[in-house]
Amino acid sequence: MAYTNTVLTRARARLRQDNERKRAEYEDHLGKAYALRPRLREIDRALRSTTARAAALLFQHDTDRTAELARLREENQKLQDERQWILDEAELPDGYLDDSPVCTLCSGTGYIGSRMCECLQELCRQEQKRELASLLPTGRERFDNFSMEVYPERFYPELGMSARTLMQKNLNYCKKYAMEFQPGARSLLFSGATGLGKTFLSACIARQVAEGGHSVVYATAGKLFSDYEAVKFERAEPESLRDYRDCDLLIIDDLGTEMTTEFVKAALYEIVNSRLLERKTTVISTNLNEQDLEERYGGQIASRLQGSYRVLYFLGDDIRRLRKIKQNEERTARV
């Protein structure tokens, strides 16, 4: 799986720290064992000597090495037996002097050849979740927490269904989309008035896709364009935008709430167009309708969003307003 540069850097740092911690623990245990049984230090020194002598013999082609190698193997085995007897007699715990790396598959490097080892993959998954947890709005962003009760059941003739039915269809689609997500999946545009669950549902997708081991970057439109402006005015390095370009899934929340300038239009076009060309998936939520998008960002951007993205329309009453009314009613009832 691909991970953003930020996540991968943090995961590698954690693996390095784990290796350093394991090595420090071994050195500490070894020092205590030597203090407890000084003969262990002598044995370890002798073992290193016999190993070095055996290695040197392998490069001597003009002598008969068989007898000497056999003698060194016998000497080495006696030393190991004595070492184990001392450890048993000292009643040190099993593995007390284990000096193996944190992962024996990759020797603690994080890679088996060019392939990322499972140990580093797991650290990347953990860092991906931690990264999202700091960005997502509430921490409750799970599909099971998306309530249908707040959407009205009144019938809309022009839709041929109620708002609740429409939103149930949206929920079912997004849940399946996130569960089956693969890089290159079709991009989505969430369109509807404020307070209808667009942010919550996009965050649910982010969490589920990340748990599936894919790289996800979640940002408000304001944060995204602020980062692009920082690079433009040389307040940040171009490398800081790498995660936006490379991630498997980029989620842009609240498009249209930012101050729209010519620079913002150009940046949005570059993001939308480049990710479409590179078959990278983007999910955008906005309070703007089709006409608003065209008026604010221009026909090129609007046509790409409406033509290349799957548009999900959100309909109903303002959920935040309804919840506030309900909370007020509950407080009044307790008085």
C-alpha atoms as a PDB file:
ATOM      1  CA  MET A   1       0.000   0.000   0.000  1.00  0.00           C
ATOM      2  CA  ALA A   2       1.087   3.563  -0.664  1.00  0.00           C
ATOM      3  CA  TYR A   3       1.454   5.961   2.248  1.00  0.00           C
ATOM      4  CA  THR A   4       2.013   9.684   2.325  1.00  0.00           C
ATOM      5  CA  ASN A   5       5.481  11.027   2.931  1.00  0.00           C
ATOM      6  CA  THR A   6       4.417  12.374   6.332  1.00  0.00           C
ATOM      7  CA  VAL A   7       3.043   9.025   7.507  1.00  0.00           C
ATOM      8  CA  LEU A   8       5.989   7.056   6.115  1.00  0.00           C
ATOM      9  CA  THR A   9       8.542   9.377   7.723  1.00  0.00           C
ATOM     10  CA  ARG A  10       6.884   9.032  11.122  1.00  0.00           C
ATOM     11  CA  ALA A  11       6.578   5.254  10.793  1.00  0.00           C
ATOM     12  CA  ARG A  12      10.257   4.901   9.872  1.00  0.00           C
ATOM     13  CA  ALA A  13      11.210   7.091  12.818  1.00  0.00           C
ATOM     14  CA  ARG A  14       9.180   4.858  15.143  1.00  0.00           C
ATOM     15  CA  LEU A  15      10.830   1.716  13.747  1.00  0.00           C
ATOM     16  CA  ARG A  16      14.253   3.291  14.260  1.00  0.00           C
ATOM     17  CA  GLN A  17      13.321   4.195  17.832  1.00  0.00           C
ATOM     18  CA  ASP A  18      12.047   0.650  18.462  1.00  0.00           C
ATOM     19  CA  ASN A  19      15.356  -0.781  17.238  1.00  0.00           C
ATOM     20  CA  GLU A  20      17.330   1.650  19.383  1.00  0.00           C
ATOM     21  CA  ARG A  21      15.164   0.833  22.396  1.00  0.00           C
ATOM     22  CA  LYS A  22      15.635  -2.912  21.827  1.00  0.00           C
ATOM     23  CA  ARG A  23      19.382  -2.489  21.502  1.00  0.00           C
ATOM     24  CA  ALA A  24      19.573  -0.317  24.633  1.00  0.00           C
ATOM     25  CA  GLU A  25      17.579  -2.924  26.552  1.00  0.00           C
ATOM     26  CA  TYR A  26      19.971  -5.651  25.404  1.00  0.00           C
ATOM     27  CA  GLU A  27      23.034  -3.625  26.407  1.00  0.00           C
ATOM     28  CA  ASP A  28      21.478  -2.955  29.825  1.00  0.00           C
ATOM     29  CA  HIS A  29      20.691  -6.640  30.362  1.00  0.00           C
ATOM     30  CA  LEU A  30      24.147  -7.655  29.200  1.00  0.00           C
ATOM     31  CA  GLY A  31      25.820  -5.266  31.639  1.00  0.00           C
ATOM     32  CA  LYS A  32      23.742  -6.591  34.520  1.00  0.00           C
ATOM     33  CA  ALA A  33      24.454 -10.206  33.554  1.00  0.00           C
ATOM     34  CA  TYR A  34      28.213  -9.517  33.384  1.00  0.00           C
ATOM     35  CA  ALA A  35      28.083  -7.903  36.821  1.00  0.00           C
ATOM     36  CA  LEU A  36      26.158 -10.873  38.191  1.00  0.00           C
ATOM     37  CA  ARG A  37      28.334 -13.535  36.538  1.00  0.00           C
ATOM     38  CA  PRO A  38      31.718 -12.077  35.372  1.00  0.00           C
ATOM     39  CA  ARG A  39      32.609 -15.378  33.635  1.00  0.00           C
ATOM     40  CA  LEU A  40      29.969 -14.518  30.985  1.00  0.00           C
ATOM     41  CA  ARG A  41      32.086 -11.620  29.722  1.00  0.00           C
ATOM     42  CA  GLU A  42      35.084 -13.925  29.312  1.00  0.00           C
ATOM     43  CA  ILE A  43      32.998 -16.483  27.448  1.00  0.00           C
ATOM     44  CA  ASP A  44      31.534 -13.904  25.077  1.00  0.00           C
ATOM     45  CA  ARG A  45      35.017 -12.562  24.340  1.00  0.00           C
ATOM     46  CA  ALA A  46      36.237 -16.113  23.660  1.00  0.00           C
ATOM     47  CA  LEU A  47      33.252 -16.827  21.389  1.00  0.00           C
ATOM     48  CA  ARG A  48      33.995 -13.749  19.304  1.00  0.00           C
ATOM     49  CA  SER A  49      37.620 -14.893  19.053  1.00  0.00           C
ATOM     50  CA  THR A  50      36.785 -18.425  17.851  1.00  0.00           C
ATOM     51  CA  THR A  51      34.311 -17.048  15.309  1.00  0.00           C
ATOM     52  CA  ALA A  52      36.910 -14.621  13.937  1.00  0.00           C
ATOM     53  CA  ARG A  53      39.570 -17.359  13.730  1.00  0.00           C
ATOM     54  CA  ALA A  54      37.171 -19.671  11.881  1.00  0.00           C
ATOM     55  CA  ALA A  55      36.312 -16.899   9.404  1.00  0.00           C
ATOM     56  CA  ALA A  56      40.005 -16.215   8.799  1.00  0.00           C
ATOM     57  CA  LEU A  57      40.641 -19.890   8.061  1.00  0.00           C
ATOM     58  CA  LEU A  58      38.085 -19.846   5.260  1.00  0.00           C
ATOM     59  CA  PHE A  59      40.310 -17.424   3.312  1.00  0.00           C
ATOM     60  CA  GLN A  60      43.451 -19.563   3.686  1.00  0.00           C
ATOM     61  CA  HIS A  61      43.459 -21.736   0.562  1.00  0.00           C
ATOM     62  CA  ASP A  62      46.972 -23.138   0.911  1.00  0.00           C
ATOM     63  CA  THR A  63      46.467 -25.133   4.102  1.00  0.00           C
ATOM     64  CA  ASP A  64      44.349 -28.044   5.278  1.00  0.00           C
ATOM     65  CA  ARG A  65      41.672 -26.314   7.344  1.00  0.00           C
ATOM     66  CA  THR A  66      39.503 -29.306   8.197  1.00  0.00           C
ATOM     67  CA  ALA A  67      41.098 -30.310  11.497  1.00  0.00           C
ATOM     68  CA  GLU A  68      41.465 -26.750  12.773  1.00  0.00           C
ATOM     69  CA  LEU A  69      37.854 -25.858  11.863  1.00  0.00           C
ATOM     70  CA  ALA A  70      36.620 -28.951  13.670  1.00  0.00           C
ATOM     71  CA  ARG A  71      38.653 -28.001  16.740  1.00  0.00           C
ATOM     72  CA  LEU A  72      37.255 -24.445  16.681  1.00  0.00           C
ATOM     73  CA  ARG A  73      33.697 -25.754  16.357  1.00  0.00           C
ATOM     74  CA  GLU A  74      34.225 -28.020  19.344  1.00  0.00           C
ATOM     75  CA  GLU A  75      35.721 -25.146  21.368  1.00  0.00           C
ATOM     76  CA  ASN A  76      32.850 -22.877  20.369  1.00  0.00           C
ATOM     77  CA  GLN A  77      30.239 -25.452  21.368  1.00  0.00           C
ATOM     78  CA  LYS A  78      31.821 -25.969  24.784  1.00  0.00           C
ATOM     79  CA  LEU A  79      31.771 -22.215  25.379  1.00  0.00           C
ATOM     80  CA  GLN A  80      28.114 -21.991  24.369  1.00  0.00           C
ATOM     81  CA  ASP A  81      27.205 -24.888  26.655  1.00  0.00           C
ATOM     82  CA  GLU A  82      29.005 -23.251  29.572  1.00  0.00           C
ATOM     83  CA  ARG A  83      27.327 -19.933  28.809  1.00  0.00           C
ATOM     84  CA  GLN A  84      23.896 -21.525  28.819  1.00  0.00           C
ATOM     85  CA  TRP A  85      24.635 -23.354  32.073  1.00  0.00           C
ATOM     86  CA  ILE A  86      25.623 -20.048  33.733  1.00  0.00           C
ATOM     87  CA  LEU A  87      22.441 -18.356  32.475  1.00  0.00           C
ATOM     88  CA  ASP A  88      20.314 -21.223  33.790  1.00  0.00           C
ATOM     89  CA  GLU A  89      22.125 -21.218  37.118  1.00  0.00           C
ATOM     90  CA  ALA A  90      21.642 -17.469  37.443  1.00  0.00           C
ATOM     91  CA  GLU A  91      17.898 -17.991  36.795  1.00  0.00           C
ATOM     92  CA  LEU A  92      17.751 -15.175  34.235  1.00  0.00           C
ATOM     93  CA  PRO A  93      14.426 -15.001  32.322  1.00  0.00           C
ATOM     94  CA  ASP A  94      14.138 -16.612  28.898  1.00  0.00           C
ATOM     95  CA  GLY A  95      15.237 -14.156  26.222  1.00  0.00           C
ATOM     96  CA  TYR A  96      16.977 -11.908  28.759  1.00  0.00           C
ATOM     97  CA  LEU A  97      20.063 -11.715  26.538  1.00  0.00           C
ATOM     98  CA  ASP A  98      18.213 -11.846  23.225  1.00  0.00           C
ATOM     99  CA  ASP A  99      19.927  -9.401  20.851  1.00  0.00           C
ATOM    100  CA  SER A 100      17.707 -10.012  17.817  1.00  0.00           C
ATOM    101  CA  PRO A 101      16.174  -6.955  16.050  1.00  0.00           C
ATOM    102  CA  VAL A 102      12.565  -5.913  16.642  1.00  0.00           C
ATOM    103  CA  CYS A 103      11.599  -7.778  13.469  1.00  0.00           C
ATOM    104  CA  THR A 104      13.442 -10.910  12.438  1.00  0.00           C
ATOM    105  CA  LEU A 105      11.869 -10.919   8.953  1.00  0.00           C
ATOM    106  CA  CYS A 106      13.563  -7.705   7.837  1.00  0.00           C
ATOM    107  CA  SER A 107      16.254  -7.435  10.550  1.00  0.00           C
ATOM    108  CA  GLY A 108      14.607  -4.230  11.713  1.00  0.00           C
ATOM    109  CA  THR A 109      15.133  -2.379   8.418  1.00  0.00           C
ATOM    110  CA  GLY A 110      11.437  -2.238   7.478  1.00  0.00           C
ATOM    111  CA  TYR A 111      12.062  -3.774   4.049  1.00  0.00           C
ATOM    112  CA  ILE A 112      12.556  -7.236   2.604  1.00  0.00           C
ATOM    113  CA  GLY A 113      14.399  -6.429  -0.582  1.00  0.00           C
ATOM    114  CA  SER A 114      12.337  -3.655  -2.178  1.00  0.00           C
ATOM    115  CA  ARG A 115       9.115  -4.773  -0.463  1.00  0.00           C
ATOM    116  CA  MET A 116       7.891  -3.071   2.690  1.00  0.00           C
ATOM    117  CA  CYS A 117       7.868  -5.472   5.637  1.00  0.00           C
ATOM    118  CA  GLU A 118       4.698  -6.046   7.635  1.00  0.00           C
ATOM    119  CA  CYS A 119       6.291  -4.433  10.701  1.00  0.00           C
ATOM    120  CA  LEU A 120       6.661  -1.107   8.894  1.00  0.00           C
ATOM    121  CA  GLN A 121       3.254  -1.477   7.250  1.00  0.00           C
ATOM    122  CA  GLU A 122       1.655  -1.821  10.679  1.00  0.00           C
ATOM    123  CA  LEU A 123       3.437   1.291  11.945  1.00  0.00           C
ATOM    124  CA  CYS A 124       2.238   3.146   8.830  1.00  0.00           C
ATOM    125  CA  ARG A 125      -1.341   2.051   9.517  1.00  0.00           C
ATOM    126  CA  GLN A 126      -1.063   3.286  13.094  1.00  0.00           C
ATOM    127  CA  GLU A 127       0.417   6.622  12.020  1.00  0.00           C
ATOM    128  CA  GLN A 128      -2.264   7.001   9.338  1.00  0.00           C
ATOM    129  CA  LYS A 129      -4.986   6.550  11.966  1.00  0.00           C
ATOM    130  CA  ARG A 130      -3.239   8.956  14.334  1.00  0.00           C
ATOM    131  CA  GLU A 131      -2.922  11.549  11.563  1.00  0.00           C
ATOM    132  CA  LEU A 132      -6.600  11.296  10.691  1.00  0.00           C
ATOM    133  CA  ALA A 133      -7.671  11.364  14.328  1.00  0.00           C
ATOM    134  CA  SER A 134      -6.057  14.779  14.673  1.00  0.00           C
ATOM    135  CA  LEU A 135      -7.834  16.092  11.572  1.00  0.00           C
ATOM    136  CA  LEU A 136     -11.326  14.608  11.639  1.00  0.00           C
ATOM    137  CA  PRO A 137     -13.995  16.807  13.216  1.00  0.00           C
ATOM    138  CA  THR A 138     -15.413  14.739  16.094  1.00  0.00           C
ATOM    139  CA  GLY A 139     -13.780  11.337  16.422  1.00  0.00           C
ATOM    140  CA  ARG A 140     -17.201   9.666  16.008  1.00  0.00           C
ATOM    141  CA  GLU A 141     -16.968   9.366  12.242  1.00  0.00           C
ATOM    142  CA  ARG A 142     -18.287   5.852  11.704  1.00  0.00           C
ATOM    143  CA  PHE A 143     -20.964   4.777   9.256  1.00  0.00           C
ATOM    144  CA  ASP A 144     -22.920   3.177  12.133  1.00  0.00           C
ATOM    145  CA  ASN A 145     -23.160   6.612  13.753  1.00  0.00           C
ATOM    146  CA  PHE A 146     -24.777   8.203  10.690  1.00  0.00           C
ATOM    147  CA  SER A 147     -28.399   8.610  11.802  1.00  0.00           C
ATOM    148  CA  MET A 148     -31.281   8.612   9.344  1.00  0.00           C
ATOM    149  CA  GLU A 149     -33.782   9.927  11.880  1.00  0.00           C
ATOM    150  CA  VAL A 150     -32.832  13.556  11.265  1.00  0.00           C
ATOM    151  CA  TYR A 151     -33.803  13.405   7.599  1.00  0.00           C
ATOM    152  CA  PRO A 152     -37.488  14.161   6.803  1.00  0.00           C
ATOM    153  CA  GLU A 153     -39.717  11.502   5.281  1.00  0.00           C
ATOM    154  CA  ARG A 154     -41.777  13.955   3.224  1.00  0.00           C
ATOM    155  CA  PHE A 155     -41.976  13.011  -0.428  1.00  0.00           C
ATOM    156  CA  TYR A 156     -40.285  15.109  -3.117  1.00  0.00           C
ATOM    157  CA  PRO A 157     -42.121  14.590  -6.455  1.00  0.00           C
ATOM    158  CA  GLU A 158     -39.186  15.908  -8.481  1.00  0.00           C
ATOM    159  CA  LEU A 159     -36.970  13.216  -6.902  1.00  0.00           C
ATOM    160  CA  GLY A 160     -39.541  10.490  -6.695  1.00  0.00           C
ATOM    161  CA  MET A 161     -38.493   9.795  -3.102  1.00  0.00           C
ATOM    162  CA  SER A 162     -38.103  11.332   0.340  1.00  0.00           C
ATOM    163  CA  ALA A 163     -34.997  12.995   1.712  1.00  0.00           C
ATOM    164  CA  ARG A 164     -34.544  10.065   4.075  1.00  0.00           C
ATOM    165  CA  THR A 165     -34.655   7.563   1.214  1.00  0.00           C
ATOM    166  CA  LEU A 166     -32.154   9.612  -0.769  1.00  0.00           C
ATOM    167  CA  MET A 167     -29.775   9.845   2.172  1.00  0.00           C
ATOM    168  CA  GLN A 168     -30.100   6.118   2.881  1.00  0.00           C
ATOM    169  CA  LYS A 169     -29.028   5.501  -0.712  1.00  0.00           C
ATOM    170  CA  ASN A 170     -26.079   7.860  -0.238  1.00  0.00           C
ATOM    171  CA  LEU A 171     -25.070   6.139   2.986  1.00  0.00           C
ATOM    172  CA  ASN A 172     -25.263   2.672   1.417  1.00  0.00           C
ATOM    173  CA  TYR A 173     -23.222   3.788  -1.577  1.00  0.00           C
ATOM    174  CA  CYS A 174     -20.523   5.492   0.520  1.00  0.00           C
ATOM    175  CA  LYS A 175     -20.220   2.551   2.887  1.00  0.00           C
ATOM    176  CA  LYS A 176     -19.739   0.099   0.016  1.00  0.00           C
ATOM    177  CA  TYR A 177     -17.401   2.574  -1.714  1.00  0.00           C
ATOM    178  CA  ALA A 178     -15.166   2.849   1.364  1.00  0.00           C
ATOM    179  CA  MET A 179     -15.189  -0.863   2.163  1.00  0.00           C
ATOM    180  CA  GLU A 180     -14.195  -1.802  -1.398  1.00  0.00           C
ATOM    181  CA  PHE A 181     -11.911   1.173  -2.058  1.00  0.00           C
ATOM    182  CA  GLN A 182      -8.959   0.678  -4.351  1.00  0.00           C
ATOM    183  CA  PRO A 183      -6.576   3.358  -5.669  1.00  0.00           C
ATOM    184  CA  GLY A 184      -8.039   4.872  -8.813  1.00  0.00           C
ATOM    185  CA  ALA A 185     -11.645   4.569  -7.634  1.00  0.00           C
ATOM    186  CA  ARG A 186     -14.024   7.158  -9.059  1.00  0.00           C
ATOM    187  CA  SER A 187     -13.918  10.547  -7.358  1.00  0.00           C
ATOM    188  CA  LEU A 188     -16.965  11.882  -5.507  1.00  0.00           C
ATOM    189  CA  LEU A 189     -18.603  15.290  -5.119  1.00  0.00           C
ATOM    190  CA  PHE A 190     -20.935  15.828  -2.150  1.00  0.00           C
ATOM    191  CA  SER A 191     -23.301  18.700  -2.904  1.00  0.00           C
ATOM    192  CA  GLY A 192     -25.937  20.171  -0.617  1.00  0.00           C
ATOM    193  CA  ALA A 193     -26.792  22.855   1.892  1.00  0.00           C
ATOM    194  CA  THR A 194     -24.897  23.265   5.136  1.00  0.00           C
ATOM    195  CA  GLY A 195     -25.568  20.921   8.045  1.00  0.00           C
ATOM    196  CA  LEU A 196     -26.718  17.888   6.053  1.00  0.00           C
ATOM    197  CA  GLY A 197     -23.921  15.461   6.951  1.00  0.00           C
ATOM    198  CA  LYS A 198     -21.469  15.952   4.074  1.00  0.00           C
ATOM    199  CA  THR A 199     -18.499  16.472   6.371  1.00  0.00           C
ATOM    200  CA  PHE A 200     -19.470  13.560   8.603  1.00  0.00           C
ATOM    201  CA  LEU A 201     -19.943  11.148   5.707  1.00  0.00           C
ATOM    202  CA  SER A 202     -16.693  12.164   3.998  1.00  0.00           C
ATOM    203  CA  ALA A 203     -14.908  11.651   7.329  1.00  0.00           C
ATOM    204  CA  CYS A 204     -16.459   8.176   7.602  1.00  0.00           C
ATOM    205  CA  ILE A 205     -15.009   7.355   4.203  1.00  0.00           C
ATOM    206  CA  ALA A 206     -11.618   8.698   5.251  1.00  0.00           C
ATOM    207  CA  ARG A 207     -11.513   6.559   8.372  1.00  0.00           C
ATOM    208  CA  GLN A 208     -12.648   3.355   6.639  1.00  0.00           C
ATOM    209  CA  VAL A 209     -10.282   3.754   3.688  1.00  0.00           C
ATOM    210  CA  ALA A 210      -7.362   4.440   6.037  1.00  0.00           C
ATOM    211  CA  GLU A 211      -8.200   1.337   8.055  1.00  0.00           C
ATOM    212  CA  GLY A 212      -8.006  -0.570   4.796  1.00  0.00           C
ATOM    213  CA  GLY A 213      -4.333   0.381   4.557  1.00  0.00           C
ATOM    214  CA  HIS A 214      -4.601   3.170   1.983  1.00  0.00           C
ATOM    215  CA  SER A 215      -3.075   6.624   2.284  1.00  0.00           C
ATOM    216  CA  VAL A 216      -5.632   9.324   3.046  1.00  0.00           C
ATOM    217  CA  VAL A 217      -5.223  13.080   3.390  1.00  0.00           C
ATOM    218  CA  TYR A 218      -8.146  15.045   4.826  1.00  0.00           C
ATOM    219  CA  ALA A 219      -8.152  18.836   4.712  1.00  0.00           C
ATOM    220  CA  THR A 220     -10.585  21.709   4.687  1.00  0.00           C
ATOM    221  CA  ALA A 221     -10.497  23.827   1.548  1.00  0.00           C
ATOM    222  CA  GLY A 222      -9.146  26.730   3.594  1.00  0.00           C
ATOM    223  CA  LYS A 223      -6.232  24.666   4.931  1.00  0.00           C
ATOM    224  CA  LEU A 224      -5.458  23.202   1.509  1.00  0.00           C
ATOM    225  CA  PHE A 225      -5.280  26.543  -0.293  1.00  0.00           C
ATOM    226  CA  SER A 226      -3.373  28.104   2.609  1.00  0.00           C
ATOM    227  CA  ASP A 227      -0.697  25.434   2.200  1.00  0.00           C
ATOM    228  CA  TYR A 228      -0.499  26.100  -1.553  1.00  0.00           C
ATOM    229  CA  GLU A 229      -0.187  29.831  -0.914  1.00  0.00           C
ATOM    230  CA  ALA A 230       2.608  29.223   1.599  1.00  0.00           C
ATOM    231  CA  VAL A 231       4.604  27.463  -1.115  1.00  0.00           C
ATOM    232  CA  LYS A 232       3.821  30.166  -3.671  1.00  0.00           C
ATOM    233  CA  PHE A 233       5.139  32.921  -1.399  1.00  0.00           C
ATOM    234  CA  GLU A 234       8.093  30.729  -0.315  1.00  0.00           C
ATOM    235  CA  ARG A 235       6.949  30.401   3.283  1.00  0.00           C
ATOM    236  CA  ALA A 236       7.107  26.624   2.839  1.00  0.00           C
ATOM    237  CA  GLU A 237       8.999  24.145   0.666  1.00  0.00           C
ATOM    238  CA  PRO A 238       7.272  22.605  -2.396  1.00  0.00           C
ATOM    239  CA  GLU A 239       7.849  19.207  -0.764  1.00  0.00           C
ATOM    240  CA  SER A 240       5.165  20.141   1.801  1.00  0.00           C
ATOM    241  CA  LEU A 241       2.510  19.661  -0.909  1.00  0.00           C
ATOM    242  CA  ARG A 242       3.672  16.154  -1.768  1.00  0.00           C
ATOM    243  CA  ASP A 243       1.072  14.425   0.392  1.00  0.00           C
ATOM    244  CA  TYR A 244      -1.767  16.196  -1.432  1.00  0.00           C
ATOM    245  CA  ARG A 245      -0.423  14.956  -4.759  1.00  0.00           C
ATOM    246  CA  ASP A 246       0.593  11.412  -3.861  1.00  0.00           C
ATOM    247  CA  CYS A 247      -2.091  10.109  -1.485  1.00  0.00           C
ATOM    248  CA  ASP A 248      -4.503   7.384  -2.603  1.00  0.00           C
ATOM    249  CA  LEU A 249      -7.457   9.450  -1.405  1.00  0.00           C
ATOM    250  CA  LEU A 250      -7.600  13.227  -0.972  1.00  0.00           C
ATOM    251  CA  ILE A 251     -10.648  14.613   0.837  1.00  0.00           C
ATOM    252  CA  ILE A 252     -11.358  18.341   0.495  1.00  0.00           C
ATOM    253  CA  ASP A 253     -14.034  19.498   2.893  1.00  0.00           C
ATOM    254  CA  ASP A 254     -16.157  22.649   2.618  1.00  0.00           C
ATOM    255  CA  LEU A 255     -15.096  23.798  -0.833  1.00  0.00           C
ATOM    256  CA  GLY A 256     -16.539  27.274  -1.313  1.00  0.00           C
ATOM    257  CA  THR A 257     -16.028  28.509   2.236  1.00  0.00           C
ATOM    258  CA  GLU A 258     -12.550  29.828   1.419  1.00  0.00           C
ATOM    259  CA  MET A 259     -11.878  33.293   0.018  1.00  0.00           C
ATOM    260  CA  THR A 260     -11.876  32.581  -3.703  1.00  0.00           C
ATOM    261  CA  THR A 261      -9.078  34.342  -5.579  1.00  0.00           C
ATOM    262  CA  GLU A 262      -7.507  33.765  -8.975  1.00  0.00           C
ATOM    263  CA  PHE A 263      -4.755  31.867  -7.212  1.00  0.00           C
ATOM    264  CA  VAL A 264      -7.305  29.595  -5.502  1.00  0.00           C
ATOM    265  CA  LYS A 265      -8.991  28.901  -8.858  1.00  0.00           C
ATOM    266  CA  ALA A 266      -5.662  27.999 -10.432  1.00  0.00           C
ATOM    267  CA  ALA A 267      -4.668  25.801  -7.490  1.00  0.00           C
ATOM    268  CA  LEU A 268      -8.019  23.978  -7.507  1.00  0.00           C
ATOM    269  CA  TYR A 269      -7.776  23.362 -11.240  1.00  0.00           C
ATOM    270  CA  GLU A 270      -4.251  21.955 -10.823  1.00  0.00           C
ATOM    271  CA  ILE A 271      -5.364  19.662  -7.986  1.00  0.00           C
ATOM    272  CA  VAL A 272      -8.515  18.394  -9.709  1.00  0.00           C
ATOM    273  CA  ASN A 273      -6.971  18.018 -13.166  1.00  0.00           C
ATOM    274  CA  SER A 274      -3.675  16.432 -12.108  1.00  0.00           C
ATOM    275  CA  ARG A 275      -5.338  13.895  -9.845  1.00  0.00           C
ATOM    276  CA  LEU A 276      -7.792  12.933 -12.598  1.00  0.00           C
ATOM    277  CA  LEU A 277      -4.943  12.487 -15.088  1.00  0.00           C
ATOM    278  CA  GLU A 278      -2.982  10.383 -12.591  1.00  0.00           C
ATOM    279  CA  ARG A 279      -6.090   8.353 -11.701  1.00  0.00           C
ATOM    280  CA  LYS A 280      -5.963   9.378  -8.059  1.00  0.00           C
ATOM    281  CA  THR A 281      -9.187   9.601  -6.111  1.00  0.00           C
ATOM    282  CA  THR A 282     -10.598  12.782  -4.604  1.00  0.00           C
ATOM    283  CA  VAL A 283     -13.718  13.375  -2.515  1.00  0.00           C
ATOM    284  CA  ILE A 284     -14.964  16.980  -2.346  1.00  0.00           C
ATOM    285  CA  SER A 285     -17.811  18.333  -0.254  1.00  0.00           C
ATOM    286  CA  THR A 286     -19.380  21.696  -0.988  1.00  0.00           C
ATOM    287  CA  ASN A 287     -22.412  23.834  -0.187  1.00  0.00           C
ATOM    288  CA  LEU A 288     -22.376  25.105  -3.775  1.00  0.00           C
ATOM    289  CA  ASN A 289     -24.691  23.854  -6.504  1.00  0.00           C
ATOM    290  CA  GLU A 290     -23.709  23.353 -10.157  1.00  0.00           C
ATOM    291  CA  GLN A 291     -24.361  26.956 -11.111  1.00  0.00           C
ATOM    292  CA  ASP A 292     -22.505  28.305  -8.073  1.00  0.00           C
ATOM    293  CA  LEU A 293     -19.468  26.132  -8.869  1.00  0.00           C
ATOM    294  CA  GLU A 294     -19.288  27.452 -12.409  1.00  0.00           C
ATOM    295  CA  GLU A 295     -19.742  31.068 -11.374  1.00  0.00           C
ATOM    296  CA  ARG A 296     -17.101  30.853  -8.659  1.00  0.00           C
ATOM    297  CA  TYR A 297     -14.437  28.623 -10.214  1.00  0.00           C
ATOM    298  CA  GLY A 298     -15.136  28.753 -13.955  1.00  0.00           C
ATOM    299  CA  GLY A 299     -16.451  26.326 -16.524  1.00  0.00           C
ATOM    300  CA  GLN A 300     -13.344  24.150 -16.783  1.00  0.00           C
ATOM    301  CA  ILE A 301     -13.364  23.193 -13.108  1.00  0.00           C
ATOM    302  CA  ALA A 302     -17.161  22.861 -12.927  1.00  0.00           C
ATOM    303  CA  SER A 303     -17.256  20.579 -15.973  1.00  0.00           C
ATOM    304  CA  ARG A 304     -14.570  18.296 -14.543  1.00  0.00           C
ATOM    305  CA  LEU A 305     -16.301  18.060 -11.175  1.00  0.00           C
ATOM    306  CA  GLN A 306     -19.713  17.376 -12.685  1.00  0.00           C
ATOM    307  CA  GLY A 307     -18.506  15.198 -15.547  1.00  0.00           C
ATOM    308  CA  SER A 308     -15.697  13.104 -14.024  1.00  0.00           C
ATOM    309  CA  TYR A 309     -16.915  12.894 -10.418  1.00  0.00           C
ATOM    310  CA  ARG A 310     -19.942  11.023  -9.189  1.00  0.00           C
ATOM    311  CA  VAL A 311     -22.198  13.655  -7.630  1.00  0.00           C
ATOM    312  CA  LEU A 312     -24.140  12.752  -4.475  1.00  0.00           C
ATOM    313  CA  TYR A 313     -26.834  15.256  -3.536  1.00  0.00           C
ATOM    314  CA  PHE A 314     -27.623  15.844   0.133  1.00  0.00           C
ATOM    315  CA  LEU A 315     -31.168  16.848   1.030  1.00  0.00           C
ATOM    316  CA  GLY A 316     -32.973  17.496   4.313  1.00  0.00           C
ATOM    317  CA  ASP A 317     -33.043  19.889   7.232  1.00  0.00           C
ATOM    318  CA  ASP A 318     -30.002  21.414   8.897  1.00  0.00           C
ATOM    319  CA  ILE A 319     -28.842  18.618  11.233  1.00  0.00           C
ATOM    320  CA  ARG A 320     -26.864  20.947  13.476  1.00  0.00           C
ATOM    321  CA  ARG A 321     -29.880  23.229  13.876  1.00  0.00           C
ATOM    322  CA  LEU A 322     -32.171  20.288  14.627  1.00  0.00           C
ATOM    323  CA  ARG A 323     -29.746  18.928  17.236  1.00  0.00           C
ATOM    324  CA  LYS A 324     -29.485  22.334  18.865  1.00  0.00           C
ATOM    325  CA  ILE A 325     -33.291  22.567  19.061  1.00  0.00           C
ATOM    326  CA  LYS A 326     -33.449  19.076  20.571  1.00  0.00           C
ATOM    327  CA  GLN A 327     -30.763  19.922  23.150  1.00  0.00           C
ATOM    328  CA  ASN A 328     -32.637  23.083  24.122  1.00  0.00           C
ATOM    329  CA  GLU A 329     -35.865  21.112  24.497  1.00  0.00           C
ATOM    330  CA  GLU A 330     -34.120  18.536  26.697  1.00  0.00           C
ATOM    331  CA  ARG A 331     -32.634  21.275  28.906  1.00  0.00           C
ATOM    332  CA  THR A 332     -36.038  22.939  29.187  1.00  0.00           C
ATOM    333  CA  ALA A 333     -37.648  19.644  30.155  1.00  0.00           C
ATOM    334  CA  ARG A 334     -35.144  19.163  32.982  1.00  0.00           C
ATOM    335  CA  VAL A 335     -35.837  22.610  34.470  1.00  0.00           C
END
